[in-house]
Amino acid sequence: MPDTESGFQDVLQQEAPLGYAHWSEREQRHARIGATTRAATLGWFSAVPDDASAQILAVEFPPVLVIAGAEDMLSGVRPTRAYADALGAEQAWIADCGHYPWIEKPEEFRAILSGWMTAG
């Protein structure tokens, strides 16, 4: 991670396209929404307790659906699948889609979610 805030912001801009399967105007608009700082990112990734996985798996969950992009480079397909499996979640994978399926493939995302919610 860069040592300065400006360096961190430069890296964020350079890496933004990696979160998406495509880099059209829609994805670029989404990438400009919100903001983060170097300090917030360091805090987010350093505050995870050593037993976080055990805490999560100890909880009894209601039915869960994981909708993910098959081209997700931020979370990755294998970790997402493993996490969903550990939760006993149903999984729906959207082809040709990155980390933000509700942005990249909103119609497919809504159809999957709507179908799951009405089936249960």
Protein backbone atom coordinates (compact mmCIF):
# COMPACT_ATOMS: atom_id res chain seq x y z
CA MET A 1 0.00 0.00 0.00
CA PRO A 2 1.33 3.46 -0.84
CA ASP A 3 2.70 5.50 2.06
CA THR A 4 0.80 8.68 1.20
CA GLU A 5 -2.86 9.57 0.75
CA SER A 6 -2.25 10.92 -2.75
CA GLY A 7 -0.41 7.73 -3.72
CA PHE A 8 -3.26 5.67 -2.29
CA GLN A 9 -5.84 7.65 -4.30
CA ASP A 10 -3.74 7.21 -7.47
CA VAL A 11 -3.68 3.42 -6.95
CA LEU A 12 -7.45 3.36 -6.35
CA GLN A 13 -8.04 5.09 -9.68
CA GLN A 14 -5.65 2.77 -11.50
CA GLU A 15 -7.17 -0.38 -9.99
CA ALA A 16 -10.84 0.63 -10.25
CA PRO A 17 -11.42 -1.23 -13.56
CA LEU A 18 -10.37 -4.52 -11.92
CA GLY A 19 -13.64 -4.64 -9.99
CA TYR A 20 -15.67 -4.93 -13.16
CA ALA A 21 -15.87 -7.32 -16.10
CA HIS A 22 -16.25 -4.30 -18.42
CA TRP A 23 -15.30 -0.63 -18.11
CA SER A 24 -18.16 1.17 -19.84
CA GLU A 25 -19.62 4.52 -18.78
CA ARG A 26 -21.98 2.74 -16.35
CA GLU A 27 -19.11 1.09 -14.46
CA GLN A 28 -17.02 4.26 -14.55
CA ARG A 29 -19.92 6.26 -13.05
CA HIS A 30 -20.29 3.68 -10.28
CA ALA A 31 -16.56 3.74 -9.52
CA ARG A 32 -16.72 7.51 -8.93
CA ILE A 33 -19.43 7.17 -6.24
CA GLY A 34 -18.29 7.38 -2.67
CA ALA A 35 -14.79 7.67 -1.36
CA THR A 36 -12.33 5.99 0.92
CA THR A 37 -9.09 6.99 2.53
CA ARG A 38 -5.84 5.19 3.19
CA ALA A 39 -6.53 5.31 6.94
CA ALA A 40 -10.04 3.86 6.56
CA THR A 41 -8.76 1.05 4.36
CA LEU A 42 -5.96 0.20 6.78
CA GLY A 43 -8.50 0.18 9.63
CA TRP A 44 -10.92 -2.03 7.71
CA PHE A 45 -8.32 -4.69 6.99
CA SER A 46 -6.58 -4.56 10.36
CA ALA A 47 -9.62 -4.79 12.62
CA VAL A 48 -10.60 -8.35 11.69
CA PRO A 49 -10.38 -10.54 14.79
CA ASP A 50 -8.36 -13.75 14.52
CA ASP A 51 -11.46 -15.81 15.20
CA ALA A 52 -13.75 -13.97 12.74
CA SER A 53 -14.42 -17.12 10.69
CA ALA A 54 -15.29 -19.12 13.80
CA GLN A 55 -17.64 -16.36 15.00
CA ILE A 56 -19.42 -16.23 11.66
CA LEU A 57 -19.77 -20.00 11.39
CA ALA A 58 -21.10 -20.26 14.96
CA VAL A 59 -24.19 -18.21 14.05
CA GLU A 60 -27.37 -19.92 12.88
CA PHE A 61 -28.30 -18.21 9.65
CA PRO A 62 -31.64 -17.83 7.94
CA PRO A 63 -31.72 -18.86 4.28
CA VAL A 64 -28.99 -16.99 2.40
CA LEU A 65 -28.45 -16.28 -1.28
CA VAL A 66 -25.07 -15.23 -2.64
CA ILE A 67 -25.25 -13.54 -6.04
CA ALA A 68 -21.79 -13.07 -7.51
CA GLY A 69 -20.09 -12.15 -10.73
CA ALA A 70 -18.21 -14.98 -12.38
CA GLU A 71 -15.38 -12.55 -13.24
CA ASP A 72 -15.05 -11.04 -9.73
CA MET A 73 -11.37 -10.21 -9.27
CA LEU A 74 -11.87 -8.35 -5.97
CA SER A 75 -13.26 -11.21 -3.90
CA GLY A 76 -12.45 -14.00 -6.31
CA VAL A 77 -14.69 -16.88 -7.31
CA ARG A 78 -13.09 -19.59 -5.15
CA PRO A 79 -13.20 -17.61 -1.87
CA THR A 80 -16.76 -16.47 -2.57
CA ARG A 81 -17.87 -20.03 -3.34
CA ALA A 82 -16.11 -21.37 -0.22
CA TYR A 83 -17.70 -18.71 1.98
CA ALA A 84 -21.16 -19.36 0.52
CA ASP A 85 -20.67 -23.11 0.98
CA ALA A 86 -19.65 -22.59 4.61
CA LEU A 87 -22.84 -20.60 5.20
CA GLY A 88 -24.98 -23.17 3.41
CA ALA A 89 -26.03 -20.42 1.03
CA GLU A 90 -27.68 -20.86 -2.31
CA GLN A 91 -25.45 -19.46 -5.04
CA ALA A 92 -26.18 -17.67 -8.27
CA TRP A 93 -23.32 -16.77 -10.57
CA ILE A 94 -23.72 -14.15 -13.27
CA ALA A 95 -21.53 -14.69 -16.31
CA ASP A 96 -19.46 -11.88 -17.77
CA CYS A 97 -19.83 -9.87 -14.56
CA GLY A 98 -17.39 -8.55 -11.95
CA HIS A 99 -17.71 -7.58 -8.29
CA TYR A 100 -20.80 -5.39 -8.67
CA PRO A 101 -23.56 -7.43 -10.35
CA TRP A 102 -26.29 -4.93 -9.38
CA ILE A 103 -24.38 -2.33 -11.46
CA GLU A 104 -23.06 -4.43 -14.35
CA LYS A 105 -26.04 -6.75 -14.85
CA PRO A 106 -28.95 -5.12 -12.97
CA GLU A 107 -31.70 -6.97 -14.85
CA GLU A 108 -30.15 -10.38 -14.18
CA PHE A 109 -29.40 -9.45 -10.59
CA ARG A 110 -33.01 -8.34 -9.95
CA ALA A 111 -34.45 -11.41 -11.70
CA ILE A 112 -32.34 -13.78 -9.58
CA LEU A 113 -33.10 -11.96 -6.34
CA SER A 114 -36.80 -11.61 -7.12
CA GLY A 115 -37.10 -15.30 -8.03
CA TRP A 116 -35.31 -16.36 -4.84
CA MET A 117 -37.41 -14.10 -2.62
CA THR A 118 -40.70 -15.28 -4.08
CA ALA A 119 -39.70 -18.96 -4.01
CA GLY A 120 -39.01 -18.96 -0.28
